[in-house]
Protein backbone atom coordinates (compact mmCIF):
# COMPACT_ATOMS: atom_id res chain seq x y z
CA MET A 1 -4.79 -55.23 -10.39
CA PRO A 2 -4.60 -54.71 -6.48
CA SER A 3 -1.44 -55.56 -5.25
CA ASP A 4 -0.04 -58.35 -3.73
CA PRO A 5 -0.37 -57.72 0.22
CA SER A 6 3.05 -60.12 1.06
CA PHE A 7 4.78 -57.33 -0.53
CA GLY A 8 4.72 -54.09 0.87
CA TYR A 9 6.73 -51.28 2.70
CA VAL A 10 6.70 -51.45 6.28
CA PHE A 11 7.57 -48.41 8.64
CA PRO A 12 7.80 -48.35 12.51
CA ALA A 13 5.17 -45.31 12.83
CA ILE A 14 3.31 -43.84 15.81
CA LYS A 15 -0.35 -43.10 14.62
CA GLY A 16 -2.08 -39.92 15.88
CA ILE A 17 -5.61 -37.96 15.07
CA GLN A 18 -5.39 -34.90 13.57
CA ALA A 19 -8.83 -33.05 12.24
CA ARG A 20 -10.40 -36.35 12.39
CA ARG A 21 -8.16 -37.86 9.98
CA GLU A 22 -5.71 -40.50 11.33
CA TYR A 23 -2.02 -39.46 10.15
CA PHE A 24 1.09 -41.64 10.80
CA VAL A 25 5.49 -40.64 12.54
CA SER A 26 7.88 -42.47 10.89
CA MET A 27 11.68 -42.41 10.68
CA CYS A 28 13.26 -43.16 7.07
CA PRO A 29 16.28 -43.89 6.16
CA LEU A 30 18.22 -41.29 3.51
CA ARG A 31 18.76 -43.66 1.11
CA LEU A 32 15.52 -44.33 0.55
CA ILE A 33 14.04 -40.78 0.76
CA PRO A 34 14.91 -40.25 -3.72
CA LYS A 35 13.35 -43.97 -4.00
CA LEU A 36 10.06 -43.66 -2.59
CA PHE A 37 9.07 -39.98 -2.19
CA LEU A 38 7.95 -38.03 -5.33
CA PHE A 39 7.98 -34.43 -6.34
CA ASP A 40 5.29 -33.81 -8.96
CA GLU A 41 7.87 -31.67 -11.13
CA ALA A 42 5.16 -32.26 -14.45
CA GLU A 43 4.97 -29.22 -16.47
CA LEU A 44 1.74 -28.33 -15.49
CA GLY A 45 -0.47 -25.27 -14.52
CA PRO A 46 -0.32 -24.03 -11.01
CA GLU A 47 -3.78 -24.94 -10.58
CA MET A 48 -2.93 -28.13 -11.57
CA ARG A 49 -0.09 -29.14 -9.24
CA ALA A 50 -0.15 -29.61 -5.93
CA GLN A 51 2.48 -27.73 -4.77
CA ARG A 52 4.99 -24.96 -5.93
CA VAL A 53 7.70 -25.67 -8.59
CA LEU A 54 11.54 -26.83 -7.30
CA ASP A 55 13.81 -24.17 -6.52
CA LYS A 56 16.85 -25.75 -8.28
CA ASN A 57 18.89 -22.63 -7.26
CA ARG A 58 18.20 -23.74 -3.62
CA VAL A 59 19.37 -27.45 -3.69
CA PRO A 60 23.16 -27.08 -3.88
CA GLU A 61 23.22 -24.46 -0.73
CA ILE A 62 21.44 -27.15 1.03
CA THR A 63 23.54 -29.84 0.10
CA ARG A 64 26.52 -28.01 0.93
CA TYR A 65 24.96 -27.39 4.18
CA ILE A 66 24.48 -31.02 4.88
CA LEU A 67 28.13 -32.20 3.42
CA GLU A 68 29.49 -29.57 5.59
CA ASN A 69 28.39 -30.33 8.77
CA ARG A 70 28.13 -34.35 9.16
CA ASP A 71 28.26 -34.06 12.70
CA ASP A 72 25.30 -31.38 13.64
CA TYR A 73 22.97 -30.80 10.26
CA THR A 74 19.62 -30.63 11.42
CA PHE A 75 16.41 -31.18 9.52
CA SER A 76 12.88 -30.93 9.97
CA ALA A 77 10.27 -33.57 8.92
CA LEU A 78 9.08 -34.30 5.62
CA THR A 79 5.11 -34.04 5.19
CA ALA A 80 4.05 -36.74 2.57
CA SER A 81 0.84 -38.20 1.19
CA ILE A 82 0.11 -41.89 0.66
CA ASP A 83 -2.09 -42.59 -2.52
CA ALA A 84 -2.98 -46.26 -1.10
CA GLU A 85 -5.12 -48.26 1.01
CA VAL A 86 -2.56 -48.63 4.10
CA SER A 87 -2.75 -51.08 7.37
CA PHE A 88 -1.53 -50.18 10.85
CA GLU A 89 -0.84 -53.09 13.06
CA PRO A 90 -0.18 -51.80 16.99
CA ILE A 91 1.68 -53.36 19.11
CA GLY A 92 -0.90 -53.62 21.72
CA ALA A 93 -4.76 -53.12 21.82
CA ALA A 94 -5.48 -50.65 24.40
CA GLY A 95 -3.77 -47.34 25.83
CA GLU A 96 -0.38 -46.04 24.25
CA ALA A 97 0.20 -49.74 22.99
CA SER A 98 -2.63 -48.92 20.65
CA ARG A 99 -1.01 -45.94 18.62
CA VAL A 100 2.81 -47.45 18.32
CA GLY A 101 2.85 -50.01 15.81
CA VAL A 102 3.85 -50.80 12.28
CA LEU A 103 2.51 -49.33 9.16
CA HIS A 104 2.08 -51.31 6.19
CA VAL A 105 2.22 -49.77 2.69
CA PRO A 106 1.27 -51.13 -0.71
CA MET A 107 3.95 -51.58 -3.07
CA ASP A 108 2.31 -49.57 -5.76
CA ALA A 109 1.30 -46.56 -3.56
CA ARG A 110 2.37 -43.62 -4.46
CA PHE A 111 4.48 -41.32 -1.89
CA ILE A 112 4.17 -37.53 -2.54
CA ILE A 113 6.05 -34.67 -0.96
CA ASN A 114 3.53 -32.03 0.58
CA ASP A 115 6.38 -30.19 2.36
CA GLY A 116 10.36 -30.65 1.85
CA GLN A 117 10.88 -30.91 -1.38
CA HIS A 118 13.95 -28.79 -1.50
CA ARG A 119 15.33 -31.00 1.56
CA ARG A 120 14.46 -34.51 -0.47
CA ALA A 121 16.11 -32.99 -3.68
CA ALA A 122 19.30 -32.22 -1.60
CA VAL A 123 19.47 -35.22 -0.01
CA GLU A 124 19.47 -37.32 -3.29
CA ALA A 125 22.45 -34.78 -4.24
CA ALA A 126 24.14 -34.88 -0.82
CA LEU A 127 23.98 -39.11 -1.03
CA LYS A 128 26.09 -39.20 -4.59
CA GLN A 129 28.97 -37.39 -2.79
CA ALA A 130 28.57 -39.37 0.66
CA THR A 131 26.75 -42.46 0.47
CA ASP A 132 27.42 -43.11 4.27
CA LEU A 133 24.63 -40.74 4.87
CA GLY A 134 22.35 -43.18 3.32
CA ASP A 135 22.15 -45.10 7.26
CA GLU A 136 20.96 -42.01 8.85
CA THR A 137 17.23 -41.07 9.03
CA ILE A 138 14.64 -38.37 8.62
CA ALA A 139 11.37 -37.64 10.32
CA VAL A 140 8.49 -38.16 7.89
CA VAL A 141 4.51 -37.39 8.86
CA PHE A 142 2.50 -39.55 6.54
CA PHE A 143 -0.85 -38.32 5.48
CA LEU A 144 -3.36 -40.61 3.64
CA ASP A 145 -6.06 -40.37 0.79
CA VAL A 146 -4.20 -38.28 -1.43
CA GLY A 147 -6.01 -36.01 -4.36
CA LEU A 148 -5.14 -32.92 -5.93
CA ALA A 149 -7.79 -30.29 -3.94
CA ARG A 150 -6.60 -32.17 -0.72
CA CYS A 151 -2.73 -31.86 -1.58
CA GLN A 152 -3.35 -28.44 -2.60
CA GLN A 153 -5.05 -27.63 0.96
CA MET A 154 -2.08 -29.27 2.60
CA PHE A 155 0.43 -27.49 1.20
CA ALA A 156 -1.32 -24.10 1.55
CA ASP A 157 -2.19 -24.99 5.35
CA LEU A 158 1.55 -25.93 6.02
CA ASN A 159 2.74 -23.12 4.29
CA ARG A 160 0.19 -20.50 5.64
CA HIS A 161 1.74 -19.76 9.48
CA ALA A 162 5.32 -20.21 8.19
CA VAL A 163 7.33 -17.41 9.08
CA ARG A 164 10.85 -16.87 8.20
CA PRO A 165 12.54 -15.72 11.39
CA SER A 166 14.48 -12.47 10.66
CA THR A 167 18.02 -11.63 9.74
CA SER A 168 18.95 -10.36 12.69
CA LEU A 169 17.51 -13.52 14.73
CA GLY A 170 19.43 -15.62 12.21
CA VAL A 171 22.56 -13.92 12.63
CA LEU A 172 22.12 -14.03 17.12
CA TYR A 173 22.09 -17.79 16.56
CA ASP A 174 24.05 -18.65 14.11
CA HIS A 175 27.28 -20.41 15.32
CA ARG A 176 28.69 -21.42 11.94
CA ASP A 177 29.07 -18.18 9.71
CA ASP A 178 32.33 -16.34 11.20
CA ARG A 179 30.79 -13.09 10.40
CA ALA A 180 27.97 -13.84 12.37
CA GLN A 181 30.26 -14.58 15.34
CA LEU A 182 32.06 -11.22 14.47
CA ALA A 183 29.09 -9.48 14.68
CA ARG A 184 28.05 -10.63 18.01
CA LEU A 185 31.63 -10.22 19.33
CA ILE A 186 31.41 -6.49 18.47
CA VAL A 187 27.95 -5.68 19.89
CA LEU A 188 29.22 -7.26 23.12
CA LYS A 189 32.26 -5.37 23.52
CA SER A 190 31.94 -1.92 21.69
CA LYS A 191 30.64 0.93 24.26
CA LEU A 192 28.40 2.31 20.98
CA PHE A 193 26.65 -0.74 20.38
CA ARG A 194 26.13 -2.69 23.50
CA ASP A 195 23.16 -0.90 24.62
CA THR A 196 21.76 0.49 21.11
CA VAL A 197 21.41 -3.11 18.85
CA GLU A 198 18.25 -4.81 18.58
CA MET A 199 19.34 -8.22 18.40
CA GLU A 200 16.31 -10.25 17.37
CA ARG A 201 14.61 -7.76 14.60
CA SER A 202 15.54 -6.53 11.10
CA THR A 203 13.26 -3.75 11.47
CA LEU A 204 12.69 -1.01 14.10
CA SER A 205 9.28 0.29 15.39
CA ALA A 206 8.76 3.79 15.69
CA ARG A 207 8.91 3.82 19.57
CA SER A 208 11.96 1.68 19.81
CA ARG A 209 14.92 2.42 21.98
CA LYS A 210 17.15 0.78 20.08
CA LEU A 211 19.15 2.57 16.93
CA PHE A 212 20.58 -0.22 14.81
CA THR A 213 19.54 -3.77 13.98
CA LEU A 214 22.00 -6.69 14.26
CA SER A 215 21.70 -7.79 10.97
CA ALA A 216 22.86 -3.92 9.74
CA ILE A 217 26.24 -4.68 11.93
CA TYR A 218 26.71 -7.79 10.38
CA ASN A 219 26.26 -6.49 6.78
CA ALA A 220 28.10 -3.18 7.34
CA THR A 221 31.17 -5.07 9.13
CA SER A 222 31.30 -7.54 6.35
CA ASP A 223 31.90 -4.44 3.94
CA LEU A 224 34.21 -2.93 6.31
CA LEU A 225 36.57 -6.02 6.46
CA ASP A 226 36.35 -7.08 3.02
CA GLY A 227 39.91 -7.67 1.46
CA LEU A 228 41.67 -6.73 4.82
CA GLU A 229 44.69 -8.52 6.31
CA ILE A 230 42.78 -10.19 9.55
CA ARG A 231 44.81 -12.53 11.59
CA ASP A 232 41.82 -13.79 13.49
CA ARG A 233 38.22 -13.15 15.17
CA GLN A 234 39.71 -10.84 17.42
CA HIS A 235 41.76 -9.25 15.45
CA ALA A 236 38.80 -8.28 12.91
CA ALA A 237 36.55 -6.92 16.39
CA THR A 238 39.54 -5.03 17.56
CA ILE A 239 39.69 -3.23 13.85
CA ALA A 240 35.77 -2.79 13.28
CA ILE A 241 35.18 -1.54 17.17
CA ASP A 242 37.84 0.90 16.58
CA PHE A 243 36.12 1.93 13.65
CA TRP A 244 32.70 2.31 14.58
CA GLU A 245 33.56 4.42 17.74
CA GLU A 246 35.50 6.80 15.88
CA THR A 247 33.04 7.35 13.68
CA ALA A 248 30.67 7.63 16.48
CA LYS A 249 32.91 10.68 17.84
CA HIS A 250 31.76 12.70 14.74
CA ILE A 251 28.14 11.53 14.68
CA PRO A 252 27.11 13.27 17.97
CA GLU A 253 23.21 11.89 17.69
CA TRP A 254 24.74 8.42 18.08
CA GLN A 255 26.38 9.51 21.56
CA ARG A 256 23.63 11.16 22.57
CA VAL A 257 21.55 8.09 21.83
CA ARG A 258 23.81 5.91 23.80
CA ASP A 259 23.90 8.35 26.41
CA LYS A 260 20.15 8.18 26.82
CA THR A 261 19.65 12.44 25.90
CA LEU A 262 17.87 11.49 22.94
CA PRO A 263 15.15 9.12 22.02
CA ALA A 264 16.76 6.63 19.11
CA GLY A 265 12.95 6.87 17.68
CA ASP A 266 14.05 10.52 16.58
CA VAL A 267 17.10 10.27 15.09
CA ARG A 268 15.88 7.26 12.72
CA ARG A 269 12.65 9.51 11.94
CA ASP A 270 14.96 12.77 11.23
CA LEU A 271 18.14 11.55 10.04
CA ILE A 272 19.70 8.98 7.73
CA HIS A 273 22.70 7.57 9.49
CA SER A 274 21.73 5.14 11.70
CA HIS A 275 19.37 3.12 8.59
CA GLY A 276 21.22 0.13 7.42
CA ILE A 277 22.30 1.85 4.12
CA ALA A 278 24.19 4.27 5.92
CA LEU A 279 26.06 1.70 7.95
CA GLN A 280 27.08 -0.06 4.92
CA ALA A 281 28.02 3.42 2.97
CA LEU A 282 30.11 4.24 6.18
CA ALA A 283 31.69 0.84 6.28
CA ARG A 284 32.84 1.07 2.51
CA LEU A 285 34.01 4.29 3.06
CA GLY A 286 35.71 2.92 5.97
CA ASN A 287 37.28 -0.23 4.23
CA ALA A 288 38.90 2.54 1.37
CA LEU A 289 40.52 4.41 4.50
CA LEU A 290 41.83 1.59 6.20
CA ARG A 291 43.28 0.76 2.45
CA SER A 292 44.83 3.84 2.31
CA GLY A 293 47.16 4.16 5.66
CA ASN A 294 47.17 5.49 8.88
CA GLU A 295 45.15 8.90 8.49
CA TRP A 296 41.89 7.26 8.47
CA ARG A 297 40.90 8.71 11.84
CA ARG A 298 41.84 12.40 11.10
CA ARG A 299 39.91 12.38 7.65
CA LEU A 300 36.92 10.82 9.60
CA LYS A 301 36.01 14.05 10.65
CA GLY A 302 35.12 15.39 7.17
CA LEU A 303 31.82 13.48 8.29
CA GLU A 304 30.90 16.17 10.46
CA ALA A 305 29.89 18.73 7.08
CA ILE A 306 27.57 16.09 5.80
CA ASP A 307 23.96 16.82 6.35
CA TRP A 308 22.29 13.92 7.24
CA ARG A 309 18.90 15.03 7.74
CA ARG A 310 15.97 13.15 5.60
CA SER A 311 14.58 16.80 4.52
CA ASN A 312 17.83 17.25 2.69
CA ALA A 313 16.51 15.89 -0.57
CA ARG A 314 18.58 17.30 -3.02
CA VAL A 315 21.40 15.14 -1.25
CA TRP A 316 19.64 11.95 -0.30
CA GLU A 317 16.68 11.62 -2.98
CA GLY A 318 17.68 9.33 -5.62
CA ARG A 319 20.50 7.68 -3.55
CA ALA A 320 19.36 6.74 0.38
CA MET A 321 15.61 7.32 -0.62
CA ILE A 322 13.19 6.92 -3.42
CA GLY A 323 10.06 8.48 -2.94
CA GLY A 324 10.97 9.97 0.54
CA LYS A 325 11.50 6.55 1.89
CA VAL A 326 14.86 5.36 2.84
CA THR A 327 15.45 2.26 0.65
CA LYS A 328 18.87 -0.52 0.45
CA GLY A 329 18.95 -1.58 -2.81
CA THR A 330 22.60 -2.25 -4.62
CA LEU A 331 22.57 0.98 -6.37
CA ASN A 332 21.54 3.02 -3.65
CA VAL A 333 23.98 1.61 -1.38
CA VAL A 334 26.65 2.59 -4.05
CA LEU A 335 25.33 5.57 -4.53
CA THR A 336 25.14 6.67 -0.72
CA THR A 337 28.62 5.55 -0.67
CA ASN A 338 29.63 7.90 -3.49
CA VAL A 339 28.08 11.25 -0.83
CA LEU A 340 30.42 10.26 1.53
CA LYS A 341 33.63 9.64 -0.27
CA LYS A 342 33.39 12.82 -2.05
CA ALA A 343 32.66 14.60 1.50
CA LEU A 344 35.75 13.18 2.54
CA ASN A 345 37.63 13.34 -0.49
CA VAL A 346 38.26 9.58 -1.20
CA GLU A 347 38.65 8.60 -4.60
CA LEU A 348 35.73 6.71 -6.09
CA SER A 349 36.05 2.91 -7.17
CA PRO A 350 35.42 2.02 -11.15
CA GLU A 351 31.98 0.64 -10.20
CA GLU A 352 30.92 3.92 -7.78
CA GLU A 353 32.23 6.00 -10.93
CA HIS A 354 30.11 4.03 -13.32
CA ALA A 355 27.09 4.48 -11.18
CA GLU A 356 27.83 8.27 -10.62
CA ASN A 357 28.07 9.12 -14.09
CA ALA A 358 24.84 6.80 -15.07
CA ARG A 359 23.00 8.95 -12.21
CA ARG A 360 24.01 12.26 -13.66
CA ARG A 361 23.07 11.40 -17.19
CA GLY A 362 19.92 10.11 -15.70
CA ASN A 363 19.30 13.74 -14.25
CA SER A 364 20.20 15.72 -17.64
CA SER A 365 17.86 13.97 -19.67
CA ARG A 366 15.14 14.81 -17.89
């Protein structure tokens, strides 16, 4: 039975044309998002679904983002298909007025999310803790004539060209994360890092003149300061800069790149110490030294005895490298840290000792 035309949803909308099809852009109160927009979560095979399965582990993180940033959270538009005959009532007959008006949707219409299912689920969860969010709005792009093949194609098209920003760029632009702000401050104030850090990309090309990435500085400095008594961001930056500058005194290639007497690409090609895994291992070493007392500067001299060459497979293969390629798995970071700690006679933690024993057993069984 067709729906009663006197009952339905009414959305203020702007009409557009894309691929010769009409679509509409509107605003929707957050309180209506969970009620109107369905997500196809049926236990069907991938070929029978219009989108990927909801990753429920992502929802709490997005929910926290909304609730912890009530004054400045930002959401992009949801994209949804309407499975019904709709009508558009423009405010005028010609020009711009013909594209602005009211979209009438029957009460029995189905609204299916094509893009934004995790945002929708997070909004629903956030509303349970903060009902006043319901008066705020989110942009919605409505497409018409839902069908499995069309919905699947829309999902593919919407996600095909989506590119996640690099970790470095995220650190550069993130003003909520204290560690990101600290990493930027360290790069700005450090003589070592000021001209040697790639701020936007998380990988470096062979011809790049940069030696480190911002994301590597971010991760390493987090490990360096973990558990230390820190008064404020300025104090944290001072400790970190002091450590990294002192470390550089015992790694001459870093200083030569800074002085522009050695190409950064040659260092990354031939040596381990400028890669993210080595920075993180150095930071974990530094954390142990800083905890142990005031002798950490003197003890860093032991770094000069380390053979950092990638060709030194006896030391680095199975630790910082797998099959000759630098890798940065969690276990690899631990095993690389062990090399540095042993070189400087620093006691291994129980986790590091366990990893070392497992590696030793693995080698003996071959």
